[in-house]
Amino acid sequence: MKLLLVVAAALIDTDNRVLIAQRPEGKQLAGLWEFPGGKIDANERPEPALIRELHEELGITVKEACLAPLTFASFAYPDFHLLMPLYVCRRWEGMVMSRENQALKWVHPRELRAYPMPPADEPLIPALIDLIG
């Protein structure tokens, strides 16, 4: 089974809300909500990959020192196995905006279960609740 490495961020604002993005129509798992991030390219470390993805998807600039690893997901989909570290980020430069036609929403961690998420993202929620409530 193919191993897919992706990286995600829990961007946390000053009100202790987390940013989630809705996968746009035409993409696999369209309509589901997820933490922003994306694939790690060959020979790329997770932190630079996440910095690149956050800039591409949200138009923000993140410094590596502002990324703190929190937890990870390991999930077997039918066609591949996904391994996804989740980083917490409380500081970035620029205004968060949708650059890839995805809906964005700031939610409190305890509200995350109200949003349908990919199976790999769901196990990440308890760590966020433990961290910020």
N, C-alpha and C. Protein backbone atom coordinates (compact mmCIF):
# COMPACT_ATOMS: atom_id res chain seq x y z
N MET A 1 0.84 -1.18 0.00
CA MET A 1 0.00 0.00 0.00
C MET A 1 0.89 1.24 0.00
N LYS A 2 0.53 2.21 -0.82
CA LYS A 2 1.31 3.44 -0.93
C LYS A 2 1.16 4.28 0.34
N LEU A 3 2.29 4.85 0.79
CA LEU A 3 2.30 5.74 1.95
C LEU A 3 2.27 7.17 1.44
N LEU A 4 1.28 7.95 1.87
CA LEU A 4 1.17 9.35 1.48
C LEU A 4 1.49 10.22 2.69
N LEU A 5 2.48 11.08 2.54
CA LEU A 5 2.87 12.00 3.61
C LEU A 5 2.27 13.37 3.34
N VAL A 6 1.47 13.84 4.28
CA VAL A 6 0.90 15.18 4.20
C VAL A 6 1.15 15.86 5.53
N VAL A 7 0.97 17.17 5.56
CA VAL A 7 1.21 17.93 6.78
C VAL A 7 0.06 18.92 6.94
N ALA A 8 -0.33 19.19 8.20
CA ALA A 8 -1.46 20.08 8.44
C ALA A 8 -1.16 21.02 9.60
N ALA A 9 -1.93 22.11 9.64
CA ALA A 9 -1.75 23.11 10.69
C ALA A 9 -3.07 23.38 11.39
N ALA A 10 -2.97 23.55 12.69
CA ALA A 10 -4.08 24.08 13.48
C ALA A 10 -3.72 25.53 13.73
N LEU A 11 -4.20 26.42 12.86
CA LEU A 11 -3.99 27.85 13.06
C LEU A 11 -4.94 28.29 14.16
N ILE A 12 -4.41 28.92 15.19
CA ILE A 12 -5.22 29.31 16.34
C ILE A 12 -5.20 30.84 16.45
N ASP A 13 -6.39 31.45 16.46
CA ASP A 13 -6.47 32.90 16.54
C ASP A 13 -6.49 33.37 18.00
N THR A 14 -6.60 34.67 18.20
CA THR A 14 -6.54 35.24 19.56
C THR A 14 -7.75 34.86 20.41
N ASP A 15 -8.83 34.38 19.78
CA ASP A 15 -10.01 33.92 20.52
C ASP A 15 -9.98 32.41 20.75
N ASN A 16 -8.81 31.78 20.53
CA ASN A 16 -8.63 30.33 20.68
C ASN A 16 -9.55 29.52 19.76
N ARG A 17 -9.77 30.05 18.57
CA ARG A 17 -10.51 29.31 17.55
C ARG A 17 -9.51 28.73 16.56
N VAL A 18 -9.90 27.64 15.94
CA VAL A 18 -9.05 26.93 14.98
C VAL A 18 -9.64 27.12 13.58
N LEU A 19 -8.77 27.31 12.59
CA LEU A 19 -9.23 27.46 11.22
C LEU A 19 -9.41 26.10 10.57
N ILE A 20 -10.58 25.92 9.94
CA ILE A 20 -10.80 24.74 9.11
C ILE A 20 -11.21 25.20 7.72
N ALA A 21 -10.92 24.36 6.74
CA ALA A 21 -11.20 24.68 5.34
C ALA A 21 -12.04 23.56 4.75
N GLN A 22 -13.02 23.93 3.93
CA GLN A 22 -13.87 22.95 3.29
C GLN A 22 -13.30 22.58 1.93
N ARG A 23 -13.15 21.27 1.71
CA ARG A 23 -12.60 20.81 0.43
C ARG A 23 -13.57 21.19 -0.69
N PRO A 24 -13.05 21.86 -1.74
CA PRO A 24 -13.94 22.34 -2.81
C PRO A 24 -14.44 21.21 -3.71
N GLU A 25 -15.52 21.52 -4.41
CA GLU A 25 -16.08 20.57 -5.38
C GLU A 25 -15.01 20.18 -6.39
N GLY A 26 -15.05 18.93 -6.82
CA GLY A 26 -14.10 18.44 -7.80
C GLY A 26 -12.88 17.78 -7.19
N LYS A 27 -12.65 17.98 -5.89
CA LYS A 27 -11.53 17.33 -5.21
C LYS A 27 -12.04 16.10 -4.47
N GLN A 28 -11.13 15.17 -4.24
CA GLN A 28 -11.47 13.99 -3.45
C GLN A 28 -11.95 14.46 -2.07
N LEU A 29 -12.97 13.81 -1.54
CA LEU A 29 -13.57 14.16 -0.25
C LEU A 29 -14.15 15.58 -0.24
N ALA A 30 -14.65 16.03 -1.38
CA ALA A 30 -15.24 17.37 -1.50
C ALA A 30 -16.35 17.55 -0.48
N GLY A 31 -16.41 18.76 0.09
CA GLY A 31 -17.44 19.11 1.06
C GLY A 31 -17.05 18.85 2.50
N LEU A 32 -16.02 18.04 2.72
CA LEU A 32 -15.57 17.77 4.08
C LEU A 32 -14.66 18.90 4.56
N TRP A 33 -14.63 19.10 5.87
CA TRP A 33 -13.80 20.15 6.48
C TRP A 33 -12.50 19.54 6.96
N GLU A 34 -11.41 20.28 6.83
CA GLU A 34 -10.10 19.77 7.21
C GLU A 34 -9.22 20.89 7.73
N PHE A 35 -8.11 20.50 8.33
CA PHE A 35 -7.10 21.46 8.74
C PHE A 35 -6.27 21.80 7.51
N PRO A 36 -5.92 23.08 7.31
CA PRO A 36 -5.15 23.44 6.12
C PRO A 36 -3.78 22.76 6.09
N GLY A 37 -3.31 22.51 4.91
CA GLY A 37 -2.01 21.87 4.71
C GLY A 37 -1.99 21.18 3.36
N GLY A 38 -1.12 20.19 3.23
CA GLY A 38 -1.05 19.49 1.96
C GLY A 38 0.09 18.50 1.90
N LYS A 39 0.34 18.05 0.69
CA LYS A 39 1.35 17.02 0.46
C LYS A 39 2.76 17.53 0.69
N ILE A 40 3.59 16.63 1.17
CA ILE A 40 5.01 16.90 1.33
C ILE A 40 5.69 16.41 0.05
N ASP A 41 6.39 17.29 -0.64
CA ASP A 41 7.09 16.91 -1.87
C ASP A 41 8.29 16.03 -1.55
N ALA A 42 8.78 15.33 -2.55
CA ALA A 42 9.97 14.49 -2.39
C ALA A 42 11.13 15.35 -1.89
N ASN A 43 11.87 14.82 -0.95
CA ASN A 43 13.03 15.50 -0.36
C ASN A 43 12.69 16.81 0.35
N GLU A 44 11.44 16.97 0.77
CA GLU A 44 11.01 18.17 1.49
C GLU A 44 10.72 17.80 2.94
N ARG A 45 11.14 18.64 3.85
CA ARG A 45 10.84 18.42 5.26
C ARG A 45 9.41 18.89 5.54
N PRO A 46 8.77 18.37 6.60
CA PRO A 46 7.38 18.75 6.88
C PRO A 46 7.18 20.24 7.11
N GLU A 47 8.07 20.89 7.86
CA GLU A 47 7.87 22.30 8.19
C GLU A 47 7.90 23.20 6.94
N PRO A 48 8.91 23.10 6.08
CA PRO A 48 8.88 23.91 4.86
C PRO A 48 7.68 23.59 3.96
N ALA A 49 7.28 22.33 3.94
CA ALA A 49 6.10 21.95 3.15
C ALA A 49 4.85 22.65 3.68
N LEU A 50 4.70 22.68 5.00
CA LEU A 50 3.54 23.34 5.59
C LEU A 50 3.58 24.85 5.35
N ILE A 51 4.74 25.45 5.49
CA ILE A 51 4.89 26.88 5.22
C ILE A 51 4.49 27.19 3.77
N ARG A 52 4.94 26.36 2.84
CA ARG A 52 4.60 26.54 1.42
C ARG A 52 3.09 26.39 1.21
N GLU A 53 2.50 25.35 1.77
CA GLU A 53 1.07 25.09 1.59
C GLU A 53 0.21 26.21 2.19
N LEU A 54 0.58 26.70 3.37
CA LEU A 54 -0.20 27.76 4.00
C LEU A 54 -0.15 29.05 3.18
N HIS A 55 0.99 29.30 2.55
CA HIS A 55 1.09 30.47 1.69
C HIS A 55 0.24 30.28 0.43
N GLU A 56 0.33 29.09 -0.17
CA GLU A 56 -0.43 28.82 -1.40
C GLU A 56 -1.93 28.85 -1.15
N GLU A 57 -2.39 28.22 -0.06
CA GLU A 57 -3.82 28.07 0.20
C GLU A 57 -4.44 29.30 0.86
N LEU A 58 -3.68 29.95 1.75
CA LEU A 58 -4.28 30.99 2.60
C LEU A 58 -3.63 32.36 2.47
N GLY A 59 -2.53 32.46 1.74
CA GLY A 59 -1.87 33.74 1.54
C GLY A 59 -1.14 34.28 2.75
N ILE A 60 -0.80 33.41 3.69
CA ILE A 60 -0.09 33.87 4.89
C ILE A 60 1.35 33.40 4.87
N THR A 61 2.18 34.11 5.62
CA THR A 61 3.59 33.75 5.75
C THR A 61 3.82 33.27 7.18
N VAL A 62 4.37 32.08 7.31
CA VAL A 62 4.63 31.49 8.62
C VAL A 62 6.13 31.22 8.73
N LYS A 63 6.68 31.52 9.87
CA LYS A 63 8.08 31.20 10.14
C LYS A 63 8.15 29.82 10.80
N GLU A 64 9.19 29.07 10.48
CA GLU A 64 9.33 27.71 11.01
C GLU A 64 9.30 27.69 12.54
N ALA A 65 9.88 28.70 13.17
CA ALA A 65 9.92 28.75 14.64
C ALA A 65 8.52 28.88 15.25
N CYS A 66 7.53 29.26 14.45
CA CYS A 66 6.16 29.43 14.94
C CYS A 66 5.32 28.17 14.78
N LEU A 67 5.92 27.09 14.30
CA LEU A 67 5.23 25.81 14.15
C LEU A 67 5.64 24.87 15.28
N ALA A 68 4.65 24.41 16.04
CA ALA A 68 4.92 23.48 17.14
C ALA A 68 4.19 22.17 16.86
N PRO A 69 4.91 21.05 16.78
CA PRO A 69 4.24 19.77 16.54
C PRO A 69 3.32 19.43 17.72
N LEU A 70 2.10 18.98 17.39
CA LEU A 70 1.13 18.64 18.43
C LEU A 70 0.85 17.14 18.47
N THR A 71 0.50 16.57 17.34
CA THR A 71 0.14 15.16 17.26
C THR A 71 0.24 14.73 15.80
N PHE A 72 -0.19 13.52 15.50
CA PHE A 72 -0.20 13.08 14.11
C PHE A 72 -1.33 12.09 13.90
N ALA A 73 -1.70 11.93 12.64
CA ALA A 73 -2.70 10.94 12.25
C ALA A 73 -2.04 9.90 11.38
N SER A 74 -2.43 8.66 11.58
CA SER A 74 -2.00 7.54 10.75
C SER A 74 -3.27 6.78 10.40
N PHE A 75 -3.65 6.82 9.12
CA PHE A 75 -4.95 6.28 8.73
C PHE A 75 -4.85 5.53 7.41
N ALA A 76 -5.44 4.35 7.37
CA ALA A 76 -5.45 3.52 6.16
C ALA A 76 -6.73 3.77 5.37
N TYR A 77 -6.60 4.50 4.27
CA TYR A 77 -7.68 4.64 3.31
C TYR A 77 -7.63 3.40 2.41
N PRO A 78 -8.66 3.15 1.61
CA PRO A 78 -8.63 1.94 0.76
C PRO A 78 -7.45 1.88 -0.20
N ASP A 79 -7.02 3.03 -0.75
CA ASP A 79 -5.99 3.05 -1.78
C ASP A 79 -4.60 3.43 -1.28
N PHE A 80 -4.50 3.98 -0.07
CA PHE A 80 -3.20 4.45 0.44
C PHE A 80 -3.27 4.58 1.95
N HIS A 81 -2.10 4.69 2.55
CA HIS A 81 -2.02 4.95 3.99
C HIS A 81 -1.53 6.38 4.17
N LEU A 82 -2.27 7.16 4.95
CA LEU A 82 -1.95 8.56 5.17
C LEU A 82 -1.24 8.74 6.50
N LEU A 83 -0.13 9.45 6.46
CA LEU A 83 0.59 9.84 7.67
C LEU A 83 0.64 11.37 7.66
N MET A 84 0.07 11.99 8.73
CA MET A 84 -0.09 13.44 8.74
C MET A 84 0.25 14.04 10.10
N PRO A 85 1.41 14.69 10.22
CA PRO A 85 1.68 15.45 11.44
C PRO A 85 0.82 16.71 11.46
N LEU A 86 0.39 17.08 12.68
CA LEU A 86 -0.38 18.30 12.88
C LEU A 86 0.43 19.26 13.74
N TYR A 87 0.65 20.45 13.21
CA TYR A 87 1.38 21.49 13.91
C TYR A 87 0.42 22.55 14.40
N VAL A 88 0.73 23.17 15.53
CA VAL A 88 -0.02 24.32 16.02
C VAL A 88 0.73 25.58 15.60
N CYS A 89 -0.02 26.57 15.18
CA CYS A 89 0.58 27.85 14.80
C CYS A 89 -0.32 28.97 15.32
N ARG A 90 0.27 29.86 16.12
CA ARG A 90 -0.47 30.99 16.67
C ARG A 90 -0.01 32.33 16.07
N ARG A 91 1.08 32.31 15.30
CA ARG A 91 1.61 33.55 14.72
C ARG A 91 1.88 33.38 13.25
N TRP A 92 1.43 34.35 12.48
CA TRP A 92 1.68 34.38 11.05
C TRP A 92 1.58 35.83 10.58
N GLU A 93 2.05 36.06 9.37
CA GLU A 93 1.98 37.39 8.78
C GLU A 93 0.96 37.35 7.64
N GLY A 94 0.17 38.42 7.54
CA GLY A 94 -0.84 38.51 6.49
C GLY A 94 -2.22 38.14 7.01
N MET A 95 -3.21 38.37 6.16
CA MET A 95 -4.59 38.05 6.47
C MET A 95 -4.95 36.71 5.85
N VAL A 96 -5.56 35.84 6.65
CA VAL A 96 -6.00 34.55 6.13
C VAL A 96 -7.11 34.79 5.11
N MET A 97 -6.92 34.24 3.91
CA MET A 97 -7.94 34.33 2.86
C MET A 97 -7.93 33.07 2.01
N SER A 98 -9.05 32.76 1.45
CA SER A 98 -9.18 31.59 0.59
C SER A 98 -8.55 31.88 -0.76
N ARG A 99 -7.51 31.11 -1.11
CA ARG A 99 -6.85 31.31 -2.40
C ARG A 99 -7.11 30.14 -3.35
N GLU A 100 -7.84 29.11 -2.87
CA GLU A 100 -8.10 27.94 -3.72
C GLU A 100 -9.58 27.57 -3.73
N ASN A 101 -10.44 28.57 -3.64
CA ASN A 101 -11.90 28.37 -3.71
C ASN A 101 -12.47 27.53 -2.57
N GLN A 102 -11.77 27.46 -1.44
CA GLN A 102 -12.28 26.69 -0.33
C GLN A 102 -12.97 27.62 0.67
N ALA A 103 -14.06 27.16 1.27
CA ALA A 103 -14.70 27.91 2.34
C ALA A 103 -13.82 27.79 3.59
N LEU A 104 -13.74 28.86 4.37
CA LEU A 104 -12.95 28.87 5.59
C LEU A 104 -13.84 29.21 6.76
N LYS A 105 -13.52 28.65 7.93
CA LYS A 105 -14.31 28.91 9.11
C LYS A 105 -13.42 28.81 10.35
N TRP A 106 -13.57 29.76 11.28
CA TRP A 106 -12.90 29.71 12.57
C TRP A 106 -13.87 29.11 13.58
N VAL A 107 -13.46 28.02 14.24
CA VAL A 107 -14.35 27.35 15.20
C VAL A 107 -13.57 27.00 16.47
N HIS A 108 -14.29 26.94 17.58
CA HIS A 108 -13.68 26.50 18.82
C HIS A 108 -13.48 24.98 18.75
N PRO A 109 -12.39 24.46 19.31
CA PRO A 109 -12.11 23.03 19.18
C PRO A 109 -13.28 22.13 19.59
N ARG A 110 -14.01 22.50 20.62
CA ARG A 110 -15.14 21.67 21.06
C ARG A 110 -16.27 21.63 20.03
N GLU A 111 -16.25 22.54 19.08
CA GLU A 111 -17.27 22.58 18.02
C GLU A 111 -16.86 21.80 16.78
N LEU A 112 -15.62 21.35 16.72
CA LEU A 112 -15.11 20.71 15.51
C LEU A 112 -15.90 19.47 15.10
N ARG A 113 -16.40 18.71 16.07
CA ARG A 113 -17.12 17.48 15.73
C ARG A 113 -18.44 17.75 14.99
N ALA A 114 -18.90 19.00 15.00
CA ALA A 114 -20.12 19.35 14.28
C ALA A 114 -19.88 19.46 12.77
N TYR A 115 -18.62 19.45 12.35
CA TYR A 115 -18.28 19.59 10.95
C TYR A 115 -17.78 18.25 10.42
N PRO A 116 -18.38 17.75 9.33
CA PRO A 116 -17.90 16.47 8.78
C PRO A 116 -16.47 16.62 8.28
N MET A 117 -15.60 15.72 8.74
CA MET A 117 -14.18 15.77 8.40
C MET A 117 -13.74 14.44 7.80
N PRO A 118 -12.64 14.45 7.05
CA PRO A 118 -12.08 13.18 6.58
C PRO A 118 -11.73 12.30 7.79
N PRO A 119 -11.82 10.99 7.65
CA PRO A 119 -11.53 10.10 8.77
C PRO A 119 -10.16 10.31 9.40
N ALA A 120 -9.18 10.73 8.62
CA ALA A 120 -7.83 10.94 9.16
C ALA A 120 -7.76 12.17 10.06
N ASP A 121 -8.64 13.16 9.84
CA ASP A 121 -8.60 14.39 10.62
C ASP A 121 -9.29 14.24 11.98
N GLU A 122 -10.32 13.41 12.05
CA GLU A 122 -11.12 13.28 13.27
C GLU A 122 -10.30 12.94 14.52
N PRO A 123 -9.31 12.02 14.45
CA PRO A 123 -8.55 11.69 15.67
C PRO A 123 -7.67 12.84 16.17
N LEU A 124 -7.52 13.90 15.40
CA LEU A 124 -6.70 15.03 15.81
C LEU A 124 -7.46 15.97 16.77
N ILE A 125 -8.77 15.89 16.77
CA ILE A 125 -9.59 16.81 17.54
C ILE A 125 -9.32 16.74 19.05
N PRO A 126 -9.24 15.56 19.67
CA PRO A 126 -9.01 15.52 21.12
C PRO A 126 -7.74 16.25 21.56
N ALA A 127 -6.68 16.18 20.79
CA ALA A 127 -5.44 16.87 21.15
C ALA A 127 -5.65 18.38 21.17
N LEU A 128 -6.45 18.89 20.23
CA LEU A 128 -6.75 20.32 20.20
C LEU A 128 -7.64 20.72 21.38
N ILE A 129 -8.60 19.88 21.70
CA ILE A 129 -9.46 20.17 22.85
C ILE A 129 -8.63 20.19 24.12
N ASP A 130 -7.71 19.23 24.27
CA ASP A 130 -6.85 19.20 25.44
C ASP A 130 -5.95 20.44 25.51
N LEU A 131 -5.52 20.92 24.35
CA LEU A 131 -4.60 22.05 24.31
C LEU A 131 -5.28 23.37 24.63
N ILE A 132 -6.44 23.62 23.98
CA ILE A 132 -7.06 24.93 24.12
C ILE A 132 -8.52 24.91 24.55
N GLY A 133 -9.10 23.75 24.74
CA GLY A 133 -10.46 23.67 25.27
C GLY A 133 -11.54 23.69 24.25
